[in-house]
Amino acid sequence: VVRDGFSNILFPGTSTVQTRAKYLLLVPYILLELEKQKGLEYREFLATLERKEKDLIQILKEGNAEGVIGSRAGEKIKRRPSEIYWNALHTYGIFNCRSRLSLDGYAKAVCALSRERANLYAAGRSEREEGSDDNKLPGGRCIEEFWRLPPPNKDWRNELKIELTQEEAGFLRDRILKSEHSRDSLLAFVLRNELNEVVNYDHIDIIGSIASLPNQLKIDFEMAQRFSRFIYGANIRYNIMLSDDRNETAKAKWKTWYESAMSSRSVETYDLKEPFVRLGINGRNRGRLLPFMQKWQQSVLSGNIKQMDELLIAREIELKGKERAKLGNSSIFRWQEGDWLGGGLLQYRFHNAKRIIADIFAGLQGESYV
């Protein structure tokens, strides 16, 4: 919950399953087509959307494009682009709706508006008055007002590529810079200041060296990094335990982390409530996570390895239940050389955001990015 909170501040609209920026346009293009189809019912709307998204897979694959969603799964794809990018379309204001409609809610709204229009026509009002608009409904509601984007060409599928055109890249950059949900983010800062070199960074921590970071963004970035360093030790110990103390890489990482934490006093001085206050985490999430962090801090400072490990066992059971917990459960997990679960220092979706950034920069420059 803390990781996702800081990810939403630094790189809003991104997710770990996003691939290419082009989908931020392809999804609306398909939905715009569906909005214009008369008589679609809710379930038919969603079924047609699914079919059209699956059709895109083969079209995009023909150009050997990287990052095509469903390139391996094909018709068996589980998560489609509309689901993966829906939050981003909201966040960047491409989906222009004040209420936080879900994709499901949007489909129902479109079908309801379409039915209302059809009923008006059936009631004898089908003759168009001068200046009337087929898309307008009583009260000024308009189906196409759901979207804020340049209209696609009629034959956009015939020209389809995963790379962005200059116009598309410029549009996406402007949306991210102007949307109230993303304009103050690290994502927007990189695009606004044309920091092309970011796409070559391997780790998010390098960004912290940029002297021109706005004050609030710098504060949030440093806060996110402090949490990452604090909790990283727990991830290392978890991997040591998974291997029954055989993971030499994890043991070396633990030695480095623990010695650094003690010498810098980073664990001792870490303000445990800092991320909860900044991210507004309350209720059940706070009630479960904060006690764990308090006990982790105490056990690290006391150097009590047994207590640390017992704490991690209890934490995993709390989160997953006994049947799904991996520690001490050889029936669902057997460690092999090279296994590492949980990643390293938190990257806050940096690698996914980096691909979106790279696509936009490449499009602005009239290039392709691989």
Protein backbone atom coordinates (compact mmCIF):
# COMPACT_ATOMS: atom_id res chain seq x y z
CA VAL A 1 0.00 0.00 0.00
CA VAL A 2 2.90 2.40 0.68
CA ARG A 3 4.69 1.36 -2.50
CA ASP A 4 1.59 1.97 -4.60
CA GLY A 5 0.92 5.28 -2.86
CA PHE A 6 4.33 6.70 -3.72
CA SER A 7 4.12 5.19 -7.22
CA ASN A 8 0.90 7.16 -7.78
CA ILE A 9 2.60 10.36 -6.68
CA LEU A 10 5.74 9.91 -8.77
CA PHE A 11 4.32 8.14 -11.84
CA PRO A 12 0.51 8.51 -11.76
CA GLY A 13 -1.52 6.52 -14.25
CA THR A 14 1.16 3.87 -14.69
CA SER A 15 0.97 0.20 -13.74
CA THR A 16 3.31 -2.78 -13.76
CA VAL A 17 1.46 -4.43 -16.65
CA GLN A 18 1.52 -1.50 -19.04
CA THR A 19 3.76 -1.84 -22.07
CA ARG A 20 3.53 0.88 -24.73
CA ALA A 21 2.12 4.42 -24.77
CA LYS A 22 0.17 3.78 -27.97
CA TYR A 23 -2.53 1.93 -26.05
CA LEU A 24 -3.54 5.24 -24.46
CA LEU A 25 -4.91 6.08 -27.91
CA LEU A 26 -5.89 2.68 -29.27
CA VAL A 27 -8.32 1.96 -26.44
CA PRO A 28 -10.25 5.24 -26.91
CA TYR A 29 -10.27 4.77 -30.69
CA ILE A 30 -12.06 1.44 -30.30
CA LEU A 31 -14.46 2.81 -27.70
CA LEU A 32 -15.33 5.78 -29.89
CA GLU A 33 -16.30 3.36 -32.65
CA LEU A 34 -18.50 1.40 -30.27
CA GLU A 35 -20.23 4.55 -29.04
CA LYS A 36 -21.40 5.23 -32.60
CA GLN A 37 -22.92 1.78 -33.05
CA LYS A 38 -26.66 2.01 -32.48
CA GLY A 39 -28.61 -0.51 -30.47
CA LEU A 40 -25.72 -2.14 -28.60
CA GLU A 41 -26.68 -3.59 -25.25
CA TYR A 42 -24.28 -3.58 -22.31
CA ARG A 43 -23.08 -7.18 -22.63
CA GLU A 44 -22.84 -6.90 -26.39
CA PHE A 45 -20.83 -3.71 -26.00
CA LEU A 46 -18.26 -5.45 -23.79
CA ALA A 47 -18.14 -8.55 -26.00
CA THR A 48 -17.52 -6.41 -29.10
CA LEU A 49 -14.83 -4.47 -27.26
CA GLU A 50 -13.09 -7.73 -26.34
CA ARG A 51 -13.21 -8.97 -29.93
CA LYS A 52 -11.86 -5.72 -31.36
CA GLU A 53 -9.00 -5.66 -28.81
CA LYS A 54 -8.04 -9.21 -29.71
CA ASP A 55 -8.07 -8.25 -33.40
CA LEU A 56 -5.40 -5.65 -32.63
CA ILE A 57 -2.96 -8.31 -31.44
CA GLN A 58 -2.35 -9.80 -34.87
CA ILE A 59 -2.28 -6.42 -36.60
CA LEU A 60 0.44 -5.12 -34.26
CA LYS A 61 2.39 -8.39 -34.30
CA GLU A 62 2.78 -8.26 -38.07
CA GLY A 63 5.33 -5.47 -37.68
CA ASN A 64 7.32 -7.47 -35.08
CA ALA A 65 6.51 -4.75 -32.58
CA GLU A 66 7.69 -5.06 -28.98
CA GLY A 67 5.30 -4.71 -26.08
CA VAL A 68 2.18 -5.98 -27.86
CA ILE A 69 -0.29 -7.01 -25.17
CA GLY A 70 -1.39 -10.59 -25.82
CA SER A 71 1.40 -11.36 -28.30
CA ARG A 72 1.93 -14.74 -26.62
CA ALA A 73 -1.47 -15.54 -25.17
CA GLY A 74 -3.40 -14.51 -28.28
CA GLU A 75 -7.11 -15.30 -27.94
CA LYS A 76 -6.51 -16.55 -24.38
CA ILE A 77 -5.41 -13.12 -23.18
CA LYS A 78 -6.58 -12.53 -19.60
CA ARG A 79 -6.10 -8.78 -19.15
CA ARG A 80 -6.90 -6.64 -22.14
CA PRO A 81 -5.60 -3.11 -22.88
CA SER A 82 -8.89 -1.45 -21.89
CA GLU A 83 -8.55 -2.84 -18.36
CA ILE A 84 -4.82 -2.15 -18.10
CA TYR A 85 -5.00 1.47 -19.29
CA TRP A 86 -8.38 2.54 -17.96
CA ASN A 87 -6.97 4.22 -14.85
CA ALA A 88 -4.39 6.07 -16.97
CA LEU A 89 -7.12 7.37 -19.30
CA HIS A 90 -8.86 8.81 -16.23
CA THR A 91 -5.66 10.14 -14.68
CA TYR A 92 -4.48 12.02 -17.76
CA GLY A 93 -7.93 13.40 -18.54
CA ILE A 94 -8.19 11.55 -21.85
CA PHE A 95 -11.39 10.01 -20.52
CA ASN A 96 -13.20 13.25 -19.77
CA CYS A 97 -15.56 12.39 -16.95
CA ARG A 98 -15.71 14.02 -13.52
CA SER A 99 -17.01 10.90 -11.80
CA ARG A 100 -14.54 8.03 -11.51
CA LEU A 101 -16.49 5.70 -13.78
CA SER A 102 -15.19 2.17 -14.10
CA LEU A 103 -14.93 0.61 -17.55
CA ASP A 104 -18.03 -1.38 -16.65
CA GLY A 105 -19.86 1.76 -15.55
CA TYR A 106 -18.83 3.58 -18.70
CA ALA A 107 -20.20 0.77 -20.90
CA LYS A 108 -23.52 0.89 -19.04
CA ALA A 109 -23.66 4.69 -19.36
CA VAL A 110 -23.02 4.60 -23.11
CA CYS A 111 -25.70 1.97 -23.67
CA ALA A 112 -28.18 3.86 -21.47
CA LEU A 113 -27.58 7.11 -23.37
CA SER A 114 -27.95 5.28 -26.66
CA ARG A 115 -31.26 3.74 -25.55
CA GLU A 116 -32.54 7.13 -24.39
CA ARG A 117 -31.77 8.63 -27.78
CA ALA A 118 -33.46 5.72 -29.56
CA ASN A 119 -36.55 6.13 -27.38
CA LEU A 120 -36.75 9.82 -28.25
CA TYR A 121 -36.68 8.96 -31.94
CA ALA A 122 -39.27 6.21 -31.48
CA ALA A 123 -41.56 8.72 -29.77
CA GLY A 124 -41.81 10.69 -32.99
CA ARG A 125 -38.91 13.10 -32.48
CA SER A 126 -36.64 11.65 -35.12
CA GLU A 127 -37.00 14.59 -37.43
CA ARG A 128 -33.91 16.67 -36.97
CA GLU A 129 -34.36 20.31 -36.16
CA GLU A 130 -32.03 22.85 -37.59
CA GLY A 131 -28.69 22.76 -35.76
CA SER A 132 -29.55 19.54 -33.89
CA ASP A 133 -26.87 16.97 -33.05
CA ASP A 134 -27.37 13.20 -33.16
CA ASN A 135 -25.05 12.79 -30.20
CA LYS A 136 -26.85 15.31 -27.94
CA LEU A 137 -29.38 14.28 -25.35
CA PRO A 138 -31.70 16.29 -23.07
CA GLY A 139 -29.75 18.26 -20.51
CA GLY A 140 -26.85 18.78 -22.88
CA ARG A 141 -25.30 15.35 -22.34
CA CYS A 142 -23.19 14.20 -25.23
CA ILE A 143 -21.81 10.71 -25.81
CA GLU A 144 -18.62 11.91 -27.48
CA GLU A 145 -17.91 14.32 -24.63
CA PHE A 146 -16.53 11.34 -22.73
CA TRP A 147 -13.28 11.76 -24.63
CA ARG A 148 -10.63 14.43 -24.98
CA LEU A 149 -8.36 13.33 -27.83
CA PRO A 150 -7.65 14.00 -31.50
CA PRO A 151 -10.10 12.04 -33.70
CA PRO A 152 -8.60 8.98 -35.38
CA ASN A 153 -8.46 8.63 -39.14
CA LYS A 154 -11.24 6.46 -40.57
CA ASP A 155 -8.68 3.92 -41.76
CA TRP A 156 -6.49 4.07 -38.64
CA ARG A 157 -6.21 0.27 -38.48
CA ASN A 158 -4.65 0.14 -41.94
CA GLU A 159 -1.87 2.51 -40.83
CA LEU A 160 -1.46 1.01 -37.37
CA LYS A 161 1.95 0.92 -35.72
CA ILE A 162 2.92 0.60 -32.06
CA GLU A 163 5.06 3.74 -32.31
CA LEU A 164 3.55 7.17 -31.73
CA THR A 165 3.32 9.78 -34.44
CA GLN A 166 4.55 13.28 -33.55
CA GLU A 167 0.95 14.45 -33.17
CA GLU A 168 0.08 11.56 -30.87
CA ALA A 169 3.24 12.00 -28.77
CA GLY A 170 2.59 15.72 -28.43
CA PHE A 171 -0.99 15.08 -27.38
CA LEU A 172 -0.02 12.56 -24.68
CA ARG A 173 2.73 14.82 -23.34
CA ASP A 174 0.30 17.73 -23.13
CA ARG A 175 -2.35 15.64 -21.38
CA ILE A 176 0.14 14.49 -18.73
CA LEU A 177 1.40 18.06 -18.25
CA LYS A 178 -2.09 19.57 -17.99
CA SER A 179 -4.10 17.02 -16.03
CA GLU A 180 -4.59 17.98 -12.39
CA HIS A 181 -3.83 14.37 -11.43
CA SER A 182 -0.41 14.21 -13.11
CA ARG A 183 0.94 17.71 -13.77
CA ASP A 184 2.97 17.91 -10.54
CA SER A 185 4.40 14.39 -10.81
CA LEU A 186 7.90 13.17 -11.56
CA LEU A 187 6.50 11.81 -14.83
CA ALA A 188 5.40 15.30 -15.88
CA PHE A 189 8.67 16.84 -14.68
CA VAL A 190 10.70 14.53 -16.91
CA LEU A 191 8.52 15.28 -19.95
CA ARG A 192 8.34 19.03 -19.29
CA ASN A 193 12.10 19.37 -18.96
CA GLU A 194 12.86 16.99 -21.85
CA LEU A 195 15.06 14.77 -19.69
CA ASN A 196 15.68 12.21 -22.42
CA GLU A 197 18.57 10.68 -20.51
CA VAL A 198 16.14 9.23 -17.94
CA VAL A 199 15.28 6.39 -20.35
CA ASN A 200 18.86 5.13 -19.95
CA TYR A 201 18.74 5.03 -16.13
CA ASP A 202 18.63 1.58 -14.55
CA HIS A 203 17.41 2.66 -11.13
CA ILE A 204 15.07 5.37 -9.93
CA ASP A 205 17.51 6.59 -7.28
CA ILE A 206 19.63 8.29 -9.98
CA ILE A 207 16.81 10.80 -10.47
CA GLY A 208 17.41 12.04 -6.94
CA SER A 209 20.62 13.67 -8.15
CA ILE A 210 18.70 16.08 -10.41
CA ALA A 211 19.22 19.45 -8.75
CA SER A 212 16.20 21.14 -10.34
CA LEU A 213 13.53 18.88 -8.81
CA PRO A 214 10.72 21.07 -7.41
CA ASN A 215 10.73 21.19 -3.62
CA GLN A 216 7.58 19.13 -2.96
CA LEU A 217 8.58 16.56 -5.55
CA LYS A 218 12.02 16.30 -3.99
CA ILE A 219 10.47 15.83 -0.55
CA ASP A 220 8.18 13.06 -1.82
CA PHE A 221 11.00 11.38 -3.75
CA GLU A 222 13.29 11.32 -0.73
CA MET A 223 10.45 10.09 1.47
CA ALA A 224 9.82 7.22 -0.95
CA GLN A 225 13.52 6.35 -0.98
CA ARG A 226 13.72 6.31 2.82
CA PHE A 227 10.84 3.84 2.98
CA SER A 228 12.46 1.70 0.27
CA ARG A 229 15.76 1.48 2.14
CA PHE A 230 14.00 0.76 5.44
CA ILE A 231 11.88 -2.13 4.16
CA TYR A 232 14.52 -3.60 1.85
CA GLY A 233 16.13 -5.46 4.74
CA ALA A 234 12.91 -7.38 5.33
CA ASN A 235 12.89 -8.48 1.69
CA ILE A 236 16.48 -9.70 1.96
CA ARG A 237 15.80 -11.71 5.13
CA TYR A 238 12.72 -13.21 3.49
CA ASN A 239 14.88 -14.54 0.65
CA ILE A 240 17.46 -15.91 3.09
CA MET A 241 14.70 -17.80 4.88
CA LEU A 242 13.19 -19.12 1.64
CA SER A 243 16.54 -20.73 0.83
CA ASP A 244 17.05 -22.21 4.31
CA ASP A 245 20.13 -20.00 4.63
CA ARG A 246 21.64 -21.25 1.34
CA ASN A 247 21.23 -18.07 -0.71
CA GLU A 248 24.76 -16.62 -0.62
CA THR A 249 23.73 -13.57 -2.66
CA ALA A 250 21.03 -12.72 -0.14
CA LYS A 251 23.41 -13.24 2.77
CA ALA A 252 25.93 -10.84 1.23
CA LYS A 253 23.18 -8.27 0.60
CA TRP A 254 22.01 -8.64 4.21
CA LYS A 255 25.50 -7.97 5.55
CA THR A 256 25.78 -4.83 3.42
CA TRP A 257 22.29 -3.59 4.29
CA TYR A 258 22.58 -4.24 8.01
CA GLU A 259 26.01 -2.63 8.37
CA SER A 260 24.86 0.41 6.41
CA ALA A 261 21.64 0.70 8.42
CA MET A 262 23.56 0.58 11.69
CA SER A 263 26.36 2.96 10.68
CA SER A 264 24.02 5.53 9.11
CA ARG A 265 21.36 5.06 11.80
CA SER A 266 18.80 5.02 8.97
CA VAL A 267 16.62 2.41 10.70
CA GLU A 268 16.95 4.00 14.13
CA THR A 269 15.98 7.48 12.92
CA TYR A 270 13.32 6.41 10.43
CA ASP A 271 9.97 8.05 11.14
CA LEU A 272 7.55 5.14 10.84
CA LYS A 273 4.48 7.35 10.58
CA GLU A 274 5.92 9.51 7.80
CA PRO A 275 4.51 7.56 4.81
CA PHE A 276 1.13 7.04 6.49
CA VAL A 277 0.67 10.77 7.05
CA ARG A 278 1.80 11.74 3.54
CA LEU A 279 -0.28 9.09 1.79
CA GLY A 280 -3.32 9.36 4.05
CA ILE A 281 -3.24 5.65 4.95
CA ASN A 282 -5.71 4.89 7.71
CA GLY A 283 -8.02 2.15 8.89
CA ARG A 284 -7.24 -1.51 8.31
CA ASN A 285 -4.18 -0.91 6.12
CA ARG A 286 -2.54 1.26 8.76
CA GLY A 287 -3.63 -1.08 11.55
CA ARG A 288 -1.90 -4.05 9.92
CA LEU A 289 1.21 -2.46 8.46
CA LEU A 290 2.33 0.03 11.11
CA PRO A 291 2.68 -2.57 13.93
CA PHE A 292 4.74 -4.76 11.61
CA MET A 293 7.06 -1.85 10.79
CA GLN A 294 7.41 -0.98 14.48
CA LYS A 295 8.36 -4.55 15.37
CA TRP A 296 10.72 -4.77 12.40
CA GLN A 297 12.49 -1.59 13.51
CA GLN A 298 12.84 -2.87 17.07
CA SER A 299 14.16 -6.28 16.09
CA VAL A 300 16.73 -4.79 13.68
CA LEU A 301 17.98 -2.34 16.29
CA SER A 302 18.32 -5.16 18.85
CA GLY A 303 20.08 -7.38 16.29
CA ASN A 304 17.68 -10.21 17.10
CA ILE A 305 17.70 -12.36 13.95
CA LYS A 306 15.31 -14.95 15.41
CA GLN A 307 12.79 -12.25 16.22
CA MET A 308 13.11 -10.76 12.71
CA ASP A 309 12.48 -14.12 11.08
CA GLU A 310 9.54 -14.98 13.31
CA LEU A 311 8.06 -11.59 12.47
CA LEU A 312 8.36 -12.25 8.73
CA ILE A 313 6.76 -15.69 9.07
CA ALA A 314 3.81 -14.16 10.95
CA ARG A 315 3.53 -11.32 8.44
CA GLU A 316 3.35 -13.64 5.44
CA ILE A 317 0.67 -15.76 7.09
CA GLU A 318 -1.28 -12.61 7.95
CA LEU A 319 -1.20 -11.51 4.30
CA LYS A 320 -1.59 -14.83 2.49
CA GLY A 321 -2.92 -17.34 4.98
CA LYS A 322 -1.11 -20.55 6.03
CA GLU A 323 -1.92 -22.48 2.85
CA ARG A 324 -0.39 -19.89 0.49
CA ALA A 325 2.53 -18.75 2.67
CA LYS A 326 5.84 -19.94 1.19
CA LEU A 327 8.07 -19.83 4.26
CA GLY A 328 8.38 -23.33 5.65
CA ASN A 329 5.95 -24.73 3.09
CA SER A 330 7.90 -26.95 0.69
CA SER A 331 4.70 -28.19 -0.92
CA ILE A 332 4.24 -24.89 -2.78
CA PHE A 333 7.80 -23.56 -2.98
CA ARG A 334 11.20 -25.24 -3.28
CA TRP A 335 14.14 -22.88 -3.49
CA GLN A 336 16.58 -23.27 -6.37
CA GLU A 337 19.87 -21.52 -7.00
CA GLY A 338 19.20 -18.08 -8.42
CA ASP A 339 15.68 -17.72 -7.01
CA TRP A 340 14.82 -14.27 -5.67
CA LEU A 341 11.33 -13.17 -4.70
CA GLY A 342 10.14 -9.62 -4.22
CA GLY A 343 12.68 -7.65 -6.23
CA GLY A 344 15.24 -5.28 -4.77
CA LEU A 345 14.94 -1.68 -3.68
CA LEU A 346 11.52 -0.34 -4.64
CA GLN A 347 11.40 1.28 -8.09
CA TYR A 348 7.85 2.68 -7.84
CA ARG A 349 6.91 1.62 -11.41
CA PHE A 350 9.89 3.52 -12.80
CA HIS A 351 10.65 0.89 -15.45
CA ASN A 352 7.07 0.93 -16.78
CA ALA A 353 6.93 4.72 -16.74
CA LYS A 354 10.29 4.82 -18.49
CA ARG A 355 8.87 2.93 -21.47
CA ILE A 356 5.95 5.36 -21.75
CA ILE A 357 8.41 8.28 -21.51
CA ALA A 358 10.66 6.74 -24.15
CA ASP A 359 7.74 6.24 -26.54
CA ILE A 360 6.67 9.87 -26.16
CA PHE A 361 10.18 11.26 -26.64
CA ALA A 362 10.75 9.01 -29.67
CA GLY A 363 7.43 10.12 -31.19
CA LEU A 364 8.23 13.80 -30.66
CA GLN A 365 11.53 13.28 -32.46
CA GLY A 366 9.94 11.25 -35.26
CA GLU A 367 11.83 8.12 -34.27
CA SER A 368 11.03 4.60 -33.10
CA TYR A 369 12.17 3.32 -29.73
CA VAL A 370 13.12 -0.30 -29.12
